[in-house]
Amino acid sequence: GQTNIYSTQFEAAQGYNSTLDLAGQNGWLADGPGGNGLTTGLFPGEGQHAYIGFTNGVDRLYVYRRINFAPLAAGMPSVQFTTLMSIEDSTNGEYDYFQWQVYNISGDRLFVIDFDVFATKVSYFLDGGSGYIDTGVTFGLGATNTLTVTMNFASNRWSATLNAALLATNQPITTTNKQLTLGDVD
């Protein structure tokens, strides 16, 4: 069977206050300066949503919630991460990169899925210094997308889709024998 490790819709009923930053609420953390918080209206038919950005001159910002799950030790080697997301164009003429970065419990980055706002291309890179690998998939700015990442820690493999488009399949979670656990997805 399936077990839900963590889920949120960022709603007030779940203890989220839209007048505060997301970081600092319900275990969410931030690393780096920059805007983060809760808003409404970005996803039609949905309630509150978390956001990052809306700040000029910020080099980087990571927002995450520690999961600290050892899939192999728990006997549940397959983990699926799913998020509803939208990337908005910058209003200051600068172009950003938005990424989903997967870390293990030790804090080692395992792999990254990268969204290039200028080219509207999706790529990924692995922990062994492979450089960016173009998926051949593009995304629309302001579009609502579902990103799904399936990780099998027993076979050290991950796959991902953006809506129905395949981003990657059967890629190694780690190419450098890092600990096969799930610390967080930033």
C-alpha atoms as a PDB file:
ATOM      1  CA  GLY A   1       0.000   0.000   0.000  1.00  0.00           C
ATOM      2  CA  GLN A   2       0.855   3.637  -0.176  1.00  0.00           C
ATOM      3  CA  THR A   3       1.713   5.871   2.760  1.00  0.00           C
ATOM      4  CA  ASN A   4       1.545   9.644   2.627  1.00  0.00           C
ATOM      5  CA  ILE A   5       4.771  11.011   4.099  1.00  0.00           C
ATOM      6  CA  TYR A   6       3.788  14.673   3.846  1.00  0.00           C
ATOM      7  CA  SER A   7       1.074  16.724   2.160  1.00  0.00           C
ATOM      8  CA  THR A   8      -0.185  20.284   2.390  1.00  0.00           C
ATOM      9  CA  GLN A   9      -2.457  22.681   0.549  1.00  0.00           C
ATOM     10  CA  PHE A  10      -1.134  25.654   2.599  1.00  0.00           C
ATOM     11  CA  GLU A  11      -4.632  26.379   3.927  1.00  0.00           C
ATOM     12  CA  ALA A  12      -5.526  28.351   7.052  1.00  0.00           C
ATOM     13  CA  ALA A  13      -7.225  25.225   8.410  1.00  0.00           C
ATOM     14  CA  GLN A  14      -3.795  23.546   8.287  1.00  0.00           C
ATOM     15  CA  GLY A  15      -2.319  26.346  10.391  1.00  0.00           C
ATOM     16  CA  TYR A  16      -0.977  28.641   7.640  1.00  0.00           C
ATOM     17  CA  ASN A  17      -1.245  32.415   8.045  1.00  0.00           C
ATOM     18  CA  SER A  18      -1.267  34.321   4.745  1.00  0.00           C
ATOM     19  CA  THR A  19       0.066  37.494   6.403  1.00  0.00           C
ATOM     20  CA  LEU A  20       3.384  35.792   7.303  1.00  0.00           C
ATOM     21  CA  ASP A  21       6.281  34.343   5.312  1.00  0.00           C
ATOM     22  CA  LEU A  22       5.954  30.628   4.573  1.00  0.00           C
ATOM     23  CA  ALA A  23       9.356  30.079   6.216  1.00  0.00           C
ATOM     24  CA  GLY A  24       8.749  29.822   9.936  1.00  0.00           C
ATOM     25  CA  GLN A  25       5.332  28.201   9.623  1.00  0.00           C
ATOM     26  CA  ASN A  26       4.664  24.475  10.163  1.00  0.00           C
ATOM     27  CA  GLY A  27       8.309  23.465   9.860  1.00  0.00           C
ATOM     28  CA  TRP A  28       9.084  25.367   6.623  1.00  0.00           C
ATOM     29  CA  LEU A  29      12.583  26.829   6.413  1.00  0.00           C
ATOM     30  CA  ALA A  30      14.346  29.275   4.094  1.00  0.00           C
ATOM     31  CA  ASP A  31      17.994  29.631   3.139  1.00  0.00           C
ATOM     32  CA  GLY A  32      18.878  32.931   1.508  1.00  0.00           C
ATOM     33  CA  PRO A  33      17.090  36.243   1.277  1.00  0.00           C
ATOM     34  CA  GLY A  34      14.001  36.742  -0.798  1.00  0.00           C
ATOM     35  CA  GLY A  35      10.271  36.770  -0.853  1.00  0.00           C
ATOM     36  CA  ASN A  36       8.243  33.788   0.223  1.00  0.00           C
ATOM     37  CA  GLY A  37       4.772  33.510   1.597  1.00  0.00           C
ATOM     38  CA  LEU A  38       1.182  32.593   0.896  1.00  0.00           C
ATOM     39  CA  THR A  39      -1.296  34.070  -1.542  1.00  0.00           C
ATOM     40  CA  THR A  40      -4.491  33.190  -3.386  1.00  0.00           C
ATOM     41  CA  GLY A  41      -5.703  33.436  -6.970  1.00  0.00           C
ATOM     42  CA  LEU A  42      -2.751  31.891  -8.803  1.00  0.00           C
ATOM     43  CA  PHE A  43      -4.445  28.532  -9.334  1.00  0.00           C
ATOM     44  CA  PRO A  44      -8.136  28.761 -10.275  1.00  0.00           C
ATOM     45  CA  GLY A  45     -10.364  26.760  -7.959  1.00  0.00           C
ATOM     46  CA  GLU A  46      -7.647  26.350  -5.348  1.00  0.00           C
ATOM     47  CA  GLY A  47      -7.317  28.085  -1.975  1.00  0.00           C
ATOM     48  CA  GLN A  48      -4.038  29.423  -0.607  1.00  0.00           C
ATOM     49  CA  HIS A  49      -0.738  28.734  -2.374  1.00  0.00           C
ATOM     50  CA  ALA A  50       2.885  29.121  -1.351  1.00  0.00           C
ATOM     51  CA  TYR A  51       5.183  31.296  -3.440  1.00  0.00           C
ATOM     52  CA  ILE A  52       8.815  32.301  -3.709  1.00  0.00           C
ATOM     53  CA  GLY A  53      10.073  35.374  -5.500  1.00  0.00           C
ATOM     54  CA  PHE A  54       8.550  38.811  -5.926  1.00  0.00           C
ATOM     55  CA  THR A  55      11.910  40.253  -4.836  1.00  0.00           C
ATOM     56  CA  ASN A  56      14.478  42.089  -6.970  1.00  0.00           C
ATOM     57  CA  GLY A  57      18.206  41.528  -6.613  1.00  0.00           C
ATOM     58  CA  VAL A  58      18.087  38.135  -4.910  1.00  0.00           C
ATOM     59  CA  ASP A  59      20.777  35.676  -6.006  1.00  0.00           C
ATOM     60  CA  ARG A  60      19.202  32.571  -4.531  1.00  0.00           C
ATOM     61  CA  LEU A  61      16.506  31.410  -2.181  1.00  0.00           C
ATOM     62  CA  TYR A  62      15.752  27.891  -1.013  1.00  0.00           C
ATOM     63  CA  VAL A  63      12.463  27.134   0.719  1.00  0.00           C
ATOM     64  CA  TYR A  64      11.931  23.632   2.086  1.00  0.00           C
ATOM     65  CA  ARG A  65      10.458  21.446   4.780  1.00  0.00           C
ATOM     66  CA  ARG A  66      12.563  18.626   6.181  1.00  0.00           C
ATOM     67  CA  ILE A  67      11.098  15.189   5.433  1.00  0.00           C
ATOM     68  CA  ASN A  68      13.950  13.020   6.776  1.00  0.00           C
ATOM     69  CA  PHE A  69      12.635   9.743   5.426  1.00  0.00           C
ATOM     70  CA  ALA A  70      14.718   6.590   5.003  1.00  0.00           C
ATOM     71  CA  PRO A  71      12.735   4.682   2.348  1.00  0.00           C
ATOM     72  CA  LEU A  72      14.829   1.505   2.408  1.00  0.00           C
ATOM     73  CA  ALA A  73      14.865   1.229   6.216  1.00  0.00           C
ATOM     74  CA  ALA A  74      11.086   1.833   6.262  1.00  0.00           C
ATOM     75  CA  GLY A  75      10.517  -0.923   3.678  1.00  0.00           C
ATOM     76  CA  MET A  76       8.959   1.616   1.266  1.00  0.00           C
ATOM     77  CA  PRO A  77      11.618   2.120  -1.417  1.00  0.00           C
ATOM     78  CA  SER A  78       9.377   3.970  -3.890  1.00  0.00           C
ATOM     79  CA  VAL A  79       8.618   7.629  -3.134  1.00  0.00           C
ATOM     80  CA  GLN A  80       6.582   9.987  -5.296  1.00  0.00           C
ATOM     81  CA  PHE A  81       6.791  13.791  -5.073  1.00  0.00           C
ATOM     82  CA  THR A  82       3.959  15.713  -6.751  1.00  0.00           C
ATOM     83  CA  THR A  83       3.368  19.448  -6.850  1.00  0.00           C
ATOM     84  CA  LEU A  84       1.045  21.856  -8.612  1.00  0.00           C
ATOM     85  CA  MET A  85       3.231  24.726  -9.812  1.00  0.00           C
ATOM     86  CA  SER A  86       3.331  27.815 -11.986  1.00  0.00           C
ATOM     87  CA  ILE A  87       6.301  29.945 -12.969  1.00  0.00           C
ATOM     88  CA  GLU A  88       5.559  33.593 -13.639  1.00  0.00           C
ATOM     89  CA  ASP A  89       7.695  35.836 -15.846  1.00  0.00           C
ATOM     90  CA  SER A  90       9.858  38.413 -14.119  1.00  0.00           C
ATOM     91  CA  THR A  91       8.666  42.006 -14.253  1.00  0.00           C
ATOM     92  CA  ASN A  92      12.140  43.561 -13.993  1.00  0.00           C
ATOM     93  CA  GLY A  93      13.607  42.331 -17.287  1.00  0.00           C
ATOM     94  CA  GLU A  94      15.772  39.741 -15.512  1.00  0.00           C
ATOM     95  CA  TYR A  95      15.424  36.025 -16.136  1.00  0.00           C
ATOM     96  CA  ASP A  96      15.441  33.462 -13.372  1.00  0.00           C
ATOM     97  CA  TYR A  97      15.998  29.758 -12.952  1.00  0.00           C
ATOM     98  CA  PHE A  98      13.565  27.883 -10.756  1.00  0.00           C
ATOM     99  CA  GLN A  99      14.666  24.493  -9.527  1.00  0.00           C
ATOM    100  CA  TRP A 100      13.436  21.537  -7.568  1.00  0.00           C
ATOM    101  CA  GLN A 101      16.453  20.118  -5.724  1.00  0.00           C
ATOM    102  CA  VAL A 102      16.360  16.736  -3.997  1.00  0.00           C
ATOM    103  CA  TYR A 103      18.585  16.262  -0.934  1.00  0.00           C
ATOM    104  CA  ASN A 104      19.279  13.277   1.293  1.00  0.00           C
ATOM    105  CA  ILE A 105      19.120  13.287   5.103  1.00  0.00           C
ATOM    106  CA  SER A 106      22.849  14.123   5.257  1.00  0.00           C
ATOM    107  CA  GLY A 107      22.194  17.319   3.300  1.00  0.00           C
ATOM    108  CA  ASP A 108      23.838  16.097   0.078  1.00  0.00           C
ATOM    109  CA  ARG A 109      22.171  17.278  -3.125  1.00  0.00           C
ATOM    110  CA  LEU A 110      21.189  14.254  -5.222  1.00  0.00           C
ATOM    111  CA  PHE A 111      19.637  15.682  -8.411  1.00  0.00           C
ATOM    112  CA  VAL A 112      18.000  18.850  -9.699  1.00  0.00           C
ATOM    113  CA  ILE A 113      15.168  19.650 -12.112  1.00  0.00           C
ATOM    114  CA  ASP A 114      15.728  23.116 -13.602  1.00  0.00           C
ATOM    115  CA  PHE A 115      13.225  25.507 -15.218  1.00  0.00           C
ATOM    116  CA  ASP A 116      14.949  28.189 -17.340  1.00  0.00           C
ATOM    117  CA  VAL A 117      12.583  31.194 -17.500  1.00  0.00           C
ATOM    118  CA  PHE A 118      14.345  32.826 -20.483  1.00  0.00           C
ATOM    119  CA  ALA A 119      14.305  29.754 -22.744  1.00  0.00           C
ATOM    120  CA  THR A 120      11.244  28.166 -21.016  1.00  0.00           C
ATOM    121  CA  LYS A 121      13.137  24.864 -21.144  1.00  0.00           C
ATOM    122  CA  VAL A 122      13.313  22.125 -18.556  1.00  0.00           C
ATOM    123  CA  SER A 123      16.603  20.375 -17.858  1.00  0.00           C
ATOM    124  CA  TYR A 124      18.122  18.364 -15.035  1.00  0.00           C
ATOM    125  CA  PHE A 125      21.512  17.577 -13.609  1.00  0.00           C
ATOM    126  CA  LEU A 126      22.844  14.754 -11.501  1.00  0.00           C
ATOM    127  CA  ASP A 127      25.177  14.839  -8.506  1.00  0.00           C
ATOM    128  CA  GLY A 128      28.268  13.683 -10.412  1.00  0.00           C
ATOM    129  CA  GLY A 129      28.813  16.927 -12.307  1.00  0.00           C
ATOM    130  CA  SER A 130      27.078  15.884 -15.532  1.00  0.00           C
ATOM    131  CA  GLY A 131      26.115  19.447 -16.399  1.00  0.00           C
ATOM    132  CA  TYR A 132      22.604  20.381 -17.466  1.00  0.00           C
ATOM    133  CA  ILE A 133      20.806  17.778 -19.567  1.00  0.00           C
ATOM    134  CA  ASP A 134      18.050  19.239 -21.770  1.00  0.00           C
ATOM    135  CA  THR A 135      14.824  17.241 -21.518  1.00  0.00           C
ATOM    136  CA  GLY A 136      13.420  18.618 -24.786  1.00  0.00           C
ATOM    137  CA  VAL A 137      10.361  19.786 -22.828  1.00  0.00           C
ATOM    138  CA  THR A 138       9.280  23.428 -22.645  1.00  0.00           C
ATOM    139  CA  PHE A 139       6.805  25.090 -20.284  1.00  0.00           C
ATOM    140  CA  GLY A 140       4.521  28.089 -20.539  1.00  0.00           C
ATOM    141  CA  LEU A 141       5.020  31.032 -18.225  1.00  0.00           C
ATOM    142  CA  GLY A 142       1.954  31.476 -16.053  1.00  0.00           C
ATOM    143  CA  ALA A 143       0.640  28.006 -16.941  1.00  0.00           C
ATOM    144  CA  THR A 144      -0.503  25.603 -14.245  1.00  0.00           C
ATOM    145  CA  ASN A 145       1.623  22.449 -14.303  1.00  0.00           C
ATOM    146  CA  THR A 146       1.795  19.224 -12.347  1.00  0.00           C
ATOM    147  CA  LEU A 147       5.318  18.010 -11.693  1.00  0.00           C
ATOM    148  CA  THR A 148       5.619  14.375 -10.615  1.00  0.00           C
ATOM    149  CA  VAL A 149       8.932  12.827  -9.591  1.00  0.00           C
ATOM    150  CA  THR A 150       9.047   9.099  -8.826  1.00  0.00           C
ATOM    151  CA  MET A 151      12.112   7.873  -6.950  1.00  0.00           C
ATOM    152  CA  ASN A 152      12.948   4.213  -6.398  1.00  0.00           C
ATOM    153  CA  PHE A 153      15.627   4.153  -3.724  1.00  0.00           C
ATOM    154  CA  ALA A 154      16.095   0.355  -3.987  1.00  0.00           C
ATOM    155  CA  SER A 155      17.175   0.622  -7.620  1.00  0.00           C
ATOM    156  CA  ASN A 156      18.744   4.122  -7.274  1.00  0.00           C
ATOM    157  CA  ARG A 157      16.554   5.476 -10.097  1.00  0.00           C
ATOM    158  CA  TRP A 158      14.177   8.401 -10.643  1.00  0.00           C
ATOM    159  CA  SER A 159      11.793   9.522 -13.383  1.00  0.00           C
ATOM    160  CA  ALA A 160       9.798  12.726 -13.796  1.00  0.00           C
ATOM    161  CA  THR A 161       6.916  14.147 -15.803  1.00  0.00           C
ATOM    162  CA  LEU A 162       5.580  17.651 -16.275  1.00  0.00           C
ATOM    163  CA  ASN A 163       1.889  17.166 -16.978  1.00  0.00           C
ATOM    164  CA  ALA A 164       1.983  14.334 -19.559  1.00  0.00           C
ATOM    165  CA  ALA A 165       5.490  15.172 -20.866  1.00  0.00           C
ATOM    166  CA  LEU A 166       8.332  12.878 -19.847  1.00  0.00           C
ATOM    167  CA  LEU A 167      11.244  14.878 -18.405  1.00  0.00           C
ATOM    168  CA  ALA A 168      13.523  12.025 -17.416  1.00  0.00           C
ATOM    169  CA  THR A 169      13.324   8.298 -16.987  1.00  0.00           C
ATOM    170  CA  ASN A 170      15.485   5.734 -15.205  1.00  0.00           C
ATOM    171  CA  GLN A 171      18.086   8.308 -14.103  1.00  0.00           C
ATOM    172  CA  PRO A 172      20.335   7.600 -11.095  1.00  0.00           C
ATOM    173  CA  ILE A 173      19.323   9.265  -7.829  1.00  0.00           C
ATOM    174  CA  THR A 174      23.038   9.408  -7.022  1.00  0.00           C
ATOM    175  CA  THR A 175      26.005   8.781  -9.302  1.00  0.00           C
ATOM    176  CA  THR A 176      28.507   9.137  -6.452  1.00  0.00           C
ATOM    177  CA  ASN A 177      27.192   6.584  -3.911  1.00  0.00           C
ATOM    178  CA  LYS A 178      25.637   9.170  -1.614  1.00  0.00           C
ATOM    179  CA  GLN A 179      23.232   8.039   1.087  1.00  0.00           C
ATOM    180  CA  LEU A 180      19.929   6.914  -0.482  1.00  0.00           C
ATOM    181  CA  THR A 181      17.490   8.733   1.779  1.00  0.00           C
ATOM    182  CA  LEU A 182      15.094  11.633   1.309  1.00  0.00           C
ATOM    183  CA  GLY A 183      15.936  14.648   3.433  1.00  0.00           C
ATOM    184  CA  ASP A 184      13.965  17.342   1.609  1.00  0.00           C
ATOM    185  CA  VAL A 185      12.878  18.676  -1.753  1.00  0.00           C
ATOM    186  CA  ASP A 186      13.767  22.377  -2.031  1.00  0.00           C
END
